[in-house]
């Protein structure tokens, strides 16, 4: 039971971090978002990746692309 409560607590903390990140990104103007490599449509997925709620596919793709370019 304690392990389940611990997992739930970690999950809720990650979701809270995701919401805070998403809200912060939504406050940025389009130009600033572009400067950091995001579009408005990517805010949700970027926040989820940053919080660890989903697999960080964006980072993996950048690494793979960088490996091919070099």
PDB file of N, CA and C in Angstrom:
ATOM      1  N   UNK A   1       0.823  -1.194   0.000  1.00  0.00           N
ATOM      2  CA  UNK A   1       0.000   0.000   0.000  1.00  0.00           C
ATOM      3  C   UNK A   1       0.874   1.266   0.000  1.00  0.00           C
ATOM      4  N   UNK A   2       1.946   1.228   0.790  1.00  0.00           N
ATOM      5  CA  UNK A   2       2.832   2.390   0.866  1.00  0.00           C
ATOM      6  C   UNK A   2       3.507   2.648  -0.472  1.00  0.00           C
ATOM      7  N   UNK A   3       3.880   1.567  -1.167  1.00  0.00           N
ATOM      8  CA  UNK A   3       4.524   1.722  -2.480  1.00  0.00           C
ATOM      9  C   UNK A   3       3.558   2.364  -3.477  1.00  0.00           C
ATOM     10  N   UNK A   4       2.303   1.954  -3.425  1.00  0.00           N
ATOM     11  CA  UNK A   4       1.296   2.537  -4.314  1.00  0.00           C
ATOM     12  C   UNK A   4       1.077   4.014  -4.026  1.00  0.00           C
ATOM     13  N   UNK A   5       1.052   4.369  -2.753  1.00  0.00           N
ATOM     14  CA  UNK A   5       0.890   5.775  -2.373  1.00  0.00           C
ATOM     15  C   UNK A   5       2.093   6.592  -2.821  1.00  0.00           C
ATOM     16  N   UNK A   6       3.284   5.990  -2.722  1.00  0.00           N
ATOM     17  CA  UNK A   6       4.499   6.680  -3.155  1.00  0.00           C
ATOM     18  C   UNK A   6       4.475   6.922  -4.667  1.00  0.00           C
ATOM     19  N   UNK A   7       4.084   5.895  -5.430  1.00  0.00           N
ATOM     20  CA  UNK A   7       3.992   6.040  -6.893  1.00  0.00           C
ATOM     21  C   UNK A   7       2.973   7.111  -7.270  1.00  0.00           C
ATOM     22  N   UNK A   8       1.842   7.103  -6.579  1.00  0.00           N
ATOM     23  CA  UNK A   8       0.809   8.107  -6.850  1.00  0.00           C
ATOM     24  C   UNK A   8       1.331   9.507  -6.539  1.00  0.00           C
ATOM     25  N   UNK A   9       2.023   9.657  -5.455  1.00  0.00           N
ATOM     26  CA  UNK A   9       2.593  10.957  -5.091  1.00  0.00           C
ATOM     27  C   UNK A   9       3.585  11.455  -6.125  1.00  0.00           C
ATOM     28  N   UNK A  10       4.449  10.557  -6.606  1.00  0.00           N
ATOM     29  CA  UNK A  10       5.421  10.947  -7.647  1.00  0.00           C
ATOM     30  C   UNK A  10       4.713  11.323  -8.940  1.00  0.00           C
ATOM     31  N   UNK A  11       3.679  10.552  -9.301  1.00  0.00           N
ATOM     32  CA  UNK A  11       2.915  10.850 -10.515  1.00  0.00           C
ATOM     33  C   UNK A  11       2.243  12.215 -10.412  1.00  0.00           C
ATOM     34  N   UNK A  12       1.614  12.477  -9.280  1.00  0.00           N
ATOM     35  CA  UNK A  12       0.941  13.765  -9.102  1.00  0.00           C
ATOM     36  C   UNK A  12       1.937  14.920  -9.119  1.00  0.00           C
ATOM     37  N   UNK A  13       3.126  14.718  -8.578  1.00  0.00           N
ATOM     38  CA  UNK A  13       4.153  15.756  -8.604  1.00  0.00           C
ATOM     39  C   UNK A  13       4.605  16.027 -10.039  1.00  0.00           C
ATOM     40  N   UNK A  14       4.768  14.949 -10.837  1.00  0.00           N
ATOM     41  CA  UNK A  14       5.158  15.140 -12.245  1.00  0.00           C
ATOM     42  C   UNK A  14       4.067  15.874 -13.010  1.00  0.00           C
ATOM     43  N   UNK A  15       2.805  15.535 -12.762  1.00  0.00           N
ATOM     44  CA  UNK A  15       1.690  16.209 -13.443  1.00  0.00           C
ATOM     45  C   UNK A  15       1.631  17.692 -13.059  1.00  0.00           C
ATOM     46  N   UNK A  16       1.886  17.983 -11.797  1.00  0.00           N
ATOM     47  CA  UNK A  16       1.897  19.378 -11.349  1.00  0.00           C
ATOM     48  C   UNK A  16       3.027  20.139 -12.038  1.00  0.00           C
ATOM     49  N   UNK A  17       4.204  19.527 -12.101  1.00  0.00           N
ATOM     50  CA  UNK A  17       5.339  20.155 -12.786  1.00  0.00           C
ATOM     51  C   UNK A  17       5.003  20.391 -14.254  1.00  0.00           C
ATOM     52  N   UNK A  18       4.325  19.435 -14.876  1.00  0.00           N
ATOM     53  CA  UNK A  18       3.938  19.583 -16.276  1.00  0.00           C
ATOM     54  C   UNK A  18       2.996  20.777 -16.449  1.00  0.00           C
ATOM     55  N   UNK A  19       1.995  20.893 -15.583  1.00  0.00           N
ATOM     56  CA  UNK A  19       1.047  22.019 -15.677  1.00  0.00           C
ATOM     57  C   UNK A  19       1.751  23.352 -15.485  1.00  0.00           C
ATOM     58  N   UNK A  20       2.673  23.425 -14.519  1.00  0.00           N
ATOM     59  CA  UNK A  20       3.403  24.673 -14.281  1.00  0.00           C
ATOM     60  C   UNK A  20       4.264  25.044 -15.485  1.00  0.00           C
ATOM     61  N   UNK A  21       4.934  24.054 -16.059  1.00  0.00           N
ATOM     62  CA  UNK A  21       5.770  24.302 -17.236  1.00  0.00           C
ATOM     63  C   UNK A  21       4.921  24.746 -18.414  1.00  0.00           C
ATOM     64  N   UNK A  22       3.807  24.056 -18.617  1.00  0.00           N
ATOM     65  CA  UNK A  22       2.911  24.414 -19.722  1.00  0.00           C
ATOM     66  C   UNK A  22       2.385  25.833 -19.552  1.00  0.00           C
ATOM     67  N   UNK A  23       1.978  26.200 -18.355  1.00  0.00           N
ATOM     68  CA  UNK A  23       1.485  27.559 -18.112  1.00  0.00           C
ATOM     69  C   UNK A  23       2.574  28.595 -18.366  1.00  0.00           C
ATOM     70  N   UNK A  24       3.795  28.302 -17.944  1.00  0.00           N
ATOM     71  CA  UNK A  24       4.902  29.238 -18.166  1.00  0.00           C
ATOM     72  C   UNK A  24       5.180  29.399 -19.660  1.00  0.00           C
ATOM     73  N   UNK A  25       5.178  28.299 -20.396  1.00  0.00           N
ATOM     74  CA  UNK A  25       5.433  28.377 -21.834  1.00  0.00           C
ATOM     75  C   UNK A  25       4.324  29.129 -22.559  1.00  0.00           C
ATOM     76  N   UNK A  26       3.100  28.964 -22.123  1.00  0.00           N
ATOM     77  CA  UNK A  26       1.981  29.669 -22.761  1.00  0.00           C
ATOM     78  C   UNK A  26       2.066  31.185 -22.559  1.00  0.00           C
ATOM     79  N   UNK A  27       2.799  31.636 -21.568  1.00  0.00           N
ATOM     80  CA  UNK A  27       2.980  33.066 -21.318  1.00  0.00           C
ATOM     81  C   UNK A  27       3.986  33.698 -22.295  1.00  0.00           C
ATOM     82  N   UNK A  28       4.792  32.864 -22.949  1.00  0.00           N
ATOM     83  CA  UNK A  28       5.808  33.391 -23.860  1.00  0.00           C
ATOM     84  C   UNK A  28       5.184  33.795 -25.192  1.00  0.00           C
ATOM     85  N   UNK A  29       5.784  34.787 -25.826  1.00  0.00           N
ATOM     86  CA  UNK A  29       5.287  35.170 -27.146  1.00  0.00           C
ATOM     87  C   UNK A  29       5.826  34.197 -28.198  1.00  0.00           C
ATOM     88  N   UNK A  30       5.246  34.254 -29.386  1.00  0.00           N
ATOM     89  CA  UNK A  30       5.577  33.323 -30.451  1.00  0.00           C
ATOM     90  C   UNK A  30       7.049  33.404 -30.829  1.00  0.00           C
ATOM     91  N   UNK A  31       7.602  34.587 -30.843  1.00  0.00           N
ATOM     92  CA  UNK A  31       9.008  34.753 -31.216  1.00  0.00           C
ATOM     93  C   UNK A  31       9.926  34.073 -30.203  1.00  0.00           C
ATOM     94  N   UNK A  32       9.640  34.233 -28.925  1.00  0.00           N
ATOM     95  CA  UNK A  32      10.455  33.598 -27.888  1.00  0.00           C
ATOM     96  C   UNK A  32      10.344  32.084 -27.978  1.00  0.00           C
ATOM     97  N   UNK A  33       9.132  31.589 -28.205  1.00  0.00           N
ATOM     98  CA  UNK A  33       8.961  30.149 -28.376  1.00  0.00           C
ATOM     99  C   UNK A  33       9.798  29.642 -29.540  1.00  0.00           C
ATOM    100  N   UNK A  34       9.770  30.371 -30.646  1.00  0.00           N
ATOM    101  CA  UNK A  34      10.552  29.975 -31.811  1.00  0.00           C
ATOM    102  C   UNK A  34      12.041  29.962 -31.482  1.00  0.00           C
ATOM    103  N   UNK A  35      12.483  30.945 -30.703  1.00  0.00           N
ATOM    104  CA  UNK A  35      13.893  31.013 -30.309  1.00  0.00           C
ATOM    105  C   UNK A  35      14.336  29.786 -29.514  1.00  0.00           C
ATOM    106  N   UNK A  36      13.421  29.205 -28.742  1.00  0.00           N
ATOM    107  CA  UNK A  36      13.780  28.011 -27.979  1.00  0.00           C
ATOM    108  C   UNK A  36      13.374  26.721 -28.705  1.00  0.00           C
ATOM    109  N   UNK A  37      12.939  26.871 -29.945  1.00  0.00           N
ATOM    110  CA  UNK A  37      12.673  25.708 -30.783  1.00  0.00           C
ATOM    111  C   UNK A  37      11.301  25.097 -30.631  1.00  0.00           C
ATOM    112  N   UNK A  38      10.318  25.879 -30.200  1.00  0.00           N
ATOM    113  CA  UNK A  38       8.967  25.359 -30.025  1.00  0.00           C
ATOM    114  C   UNK A  38       7.958  26.178 -30.807  1.00  0.00           C
ATOM    115  N   UNK A  39       6.851  25.534 -31.136  1.00  0.00           N
ATOM    116  CA  UNK A  39       5.684  26.236 -31.658  1.00  0.00           C
ATOM    117  C   UNK A  39       4.594  26.124 -30.589  1.00  0.00           C
ATOM    118  N   UNK A  40       3.551  26.892 -30.724  1.00  0.00           N
ATOM    119  CA  UNK A  40       2.460  26.834 -29.747  1.00  0.00           C
ATOM    120  C   UNK A  40       1.862  25.429 -29.676  1.00  0.00           C
ATOM    121  N   UNK A  41       1.822  24.746 -30.805  1.00  0.00           N
ATOM    122  CA  UNK A  41       1.262  23.401 -30.842  1.00  0.00           C
ATOM    123  C   UNK A  41       2.092  22.364 -30.104  1.00  0.00           C
ATOM    124  N   UNK A  42       3.344  22.676 -29.816  1.00  0.00           N
ATOM    125  CA  UNK A  42       4.227  21.732 -29.136  1.00  0.00           C
ATOM    126  C   UNK A  42       4.328  21.955 -27.628  1.00  0.00           C
ATOM    127  N   UNK A  43       3.675  22.975 -27.131  1.00  0.00           N
ATOM    128  CA  UNK A  43       3.810  23.327 -25.713  1.00  0.00           C
ATOM    129  C   UNK A  43       3.414  22.163 -24.805  1.00  0.00           C
ATOM    130  N   UNK A  44       2.295  21.547 -25.057  1.00  0.00           N
ATOM    131  CA  UNK A  44       1.833  20.451 -24.210  1.00  0.00           C
ATOM    132  C   UNK A  44       2.800  19.282 -24.180  1.00  0.00           C
ATOM    133  N   UNK A  45       3.274  18.881 -25.357  1.00  0.00           N
ATOM    134  CA  UNK A  45       4.185  17.735 -25.392  1.00  0.00           C
ATOM    135  C   UNK A  45       5.544  18.087 -24.801  1.00  0.00           C
ATOM    136  N   UNK A  46       6.010  19.297 -25.018  1.00  0.00           N
ATOM    137  CA  UNK A  46       7.292  19.713 -24.441  1.00  0.00           C
ATOM    138  C   UNK A  46       7.209  19.738 -22.912  1.00  0.00           C
ATOM    139  N   UNK A  47       6.105  20.218 -22.378  1.00  0.00           N
ATOM    140  CA  UNK A  47       5.920  20.257 -20.923  1.00  0.00           C
ATOM    141  C   UNK A  47       5.842  18.845 -20.356  1.00  0.00           C
ATOM    142  N   UNK A  48       5.157  17.949 -21.042  1.00  0.00           N
ATOM    143  CA  UNK A  48       5.046  16.566 -20.585  1.00  0.00           C
ATOM    144  C   UNK A  48       6.410  15.882 -20.598  1.00  0.00           C
ATOM    145  N   UNK A  49       7.200  16.129 -21.630  1.00  0.00           N
ATOM    146  CA  UNK A  49       8.541  15.558 -21.699  1.00  0.00           C
ATOM    147  C   UNK A  49       9.425  16.118 -20.594  1.00  0.00           C
ATOM    148  N   UNK A  50       9.370  17.416 -20.382  1.00  0.00           N
ATOM    149  CA  UNK A  50      10.206  18.049 -19.363  1.00  0.00           C
ATOM    150  C   UNK A  50       9.876  17.527 -17.967  1.00  0.00           C
ATOM    151  N   UNK A  51       8.616  17.214 -17.710  1.00  0.00           N
ATOM    152  CA  UNK A  51       8.200  16.732 -16.396  1.00  0.00           C
ATOM    153  C   UNK A  51       8.392  15.230 -16.238  1.00  0.00           C
ATOM    154  N   UNK A  52       8.720  14.545 -17.322  1.00  0.00           N
ATOM    155  CA  UNK A  52       8.906  13.104 -17.237  1.00  0.00           C
ATOM    156  C   UNK A  52       7.614  12.315 -17.272  1.00  0.00           C
ATOM    157  N   UNK A  53       6.532  12.949 -17.706  1.00  0.00           N
ATOM    158  CA  UNK A  53       5.236  12.271 -17.784  1.00  0.00           C
ATOM    159  C   UNK A  53       5.210  11.327 -18.988  1.00  0.00           C
ATOM    160  N   UNK A  54       5.907  11.697 -20.054  1.00  0.00           N
ATOM    161  CA  UNK A  54       6.021  10.867 -21.252  1.00  0.00           C
ATOM    162  C   UNK A  54       7.491  10.749 -21.624  1.00  0.00           C
ATOM    163  N   UNK A  55       7.799   9.797 -22.496  1.00  0.00           N
ATOM    164  CA  UNK A  55       9.169   9.609 -22.960  1.00  0.00           C
ATOM    165  C   UNK A  55       9.646  10.862 -23.694  1.00  0.00           C
ATOM    166  N   UNK A  56      10.887  11.229 -23.477  1.00  0.00           N
ATOM    167  CA  UNK A  56      11.445  12.437 -24.091  1.00  0.00           C
ATOM    168  C   UNK A  56      11.872  12.159 -25.529  1.00  0.00           C
ATOM    169  N   UNK A  57      10.899  12.029 -26.408  1.00  0.00           N
ATOM    170  CA  UNK A  57      11.204  11.716 -27.808  1.00  0.00           C
ATOM    171  C   UNK A  57      11.848  12.891 -28.525  1.00  0.00           C
ATOM    172  N   UNK A  58      11.517  14.104 -28.125  1.00  0.00           N
ATOM    173  CA  UNK A  58      12.095  15.286 -28.767  1.00  0.00           C
ATOM    174  C   UNK A  58      13.611  15.301 -28.576  1.00  0.00           C
ATOM    175  N   UNK A  59      14.066  15.041 -27.374  1.00  0.00           N
ATOM    176  CA  UNK A  59      15.502  15.022 -27.089  1.00  0.00           C
ATOM    177  C   UNK A  59      16.163  13.899 -27.860  1.00  0.00           C
ATOM    178  N   UNK A  60      15.527  12.733 -27.871  1.00  0.00           N
ATOM    179  CA  UNK A  60      16.092  11.604 -28.604  1.00  0.00           C
ATOM    180  C   UNK A  60      16.214  11.926 -30.088  1.00  0.00           C
ATOM    181  N   UNK A  61      15.191  12.555 -30.649  1.00  0.00           N
ATOM    182  CA  UNK A  61      15.225  12.906 -32.072  1.00  0.00           C
ATOM    183  C   UNK A  61      16.335  13.912 -32.359  1.00  0.00           C
ATOM    184  N   UNK A  62      16.501  14.916 -31.466  1.00  0.00           N
ATOM    185  CA  UNK A  62      17.577  15.888 -31.668  1.00  0.00           C
ATOM    186  C   UNK A  62      18.933  15.203 -31.630  1.00  0.00           C
ATOM    187  N   UNK A  63      19.115  14.270 -30.693  1.00  0.00           N
ATOM    188  CA  UNK A  63      20.393  13.553 -30.596  1.00  0.00           C
ATOM    189  C   UNK A  63      20.652  12.729 -31.839  1.00  0.00           C
ATOM    190  N   UNK A  64      19.626  12.034 -32.318  1.00  0.00           N
ATOM    191  CA  UNK A  64      19.779  11.213 -33.513  1.00  0.00           C
ATOM    192  C   UNK A  64      20.082  12.085 -34.730  1.00  0.00           C
ATOM    193  N   UNK A  65      19.415  13.199 -34.846  1.00  0.00           N
ATOM    194  CA  UNK A  65      19.656  14.115 -35.949  1.00  0.00           C
ATOM    195  C   UNK A  65      21.070  14.660 -35.879  1.00  0.00           C
ATOM    196  N   UNK A  66      21.494  15.061 -34.678  1.00  0.00           N
ATOM    197  CA  UNK A  66      22.856  15.571 -34.485  1.00  0.00           C
ATOM    198  C   UNK A  66      23.903  14.534 -34.832  1.00  0.00           C
ATOM    199  N   UNK A  67      23.637  13.269 -34.512  1.00  0.00           N
ATOM    200  CA  UNK A  67      24.582  12.201 -34.811  1.00  0.00           C
ATOM    201  C   UNK A  67      24.704  12.007 -36.314  1.00  0.00           C
ATOM    202  N   UNK A  68      23.623  12.220 -37.047  1.00  0.00           N
ATOM    203  CA  UNK A  68      23.663  12.066 -38.496  1.00  0.00           C
ATOM    204  C   UNK A  68      24.319  13.258 -39.187  1.00  0.00           C
ATOM    205  N   UNK A  69      24.180  14.435 -38.593  1.00  0.00           N
ATOM    206  CA  UNK A  69      24.714  15.645 -39.218  1.00  0.00           C
ATOM    207  C   UNK A  69      26.220  15.709 -39.065  1.00  0.00           C
ATOM    208  N   UNK A  70      26.722  15.289 -37.914  1.00  0.00           N
ATOM    209  CA  UNK A  70      28.150  15.393 -37.630  1.00  0.00           C
ATOM    210  C   UNK A  70      28.954  14.425 -38.377  1.00  0.00           C
TER     211      UNK A  70
END
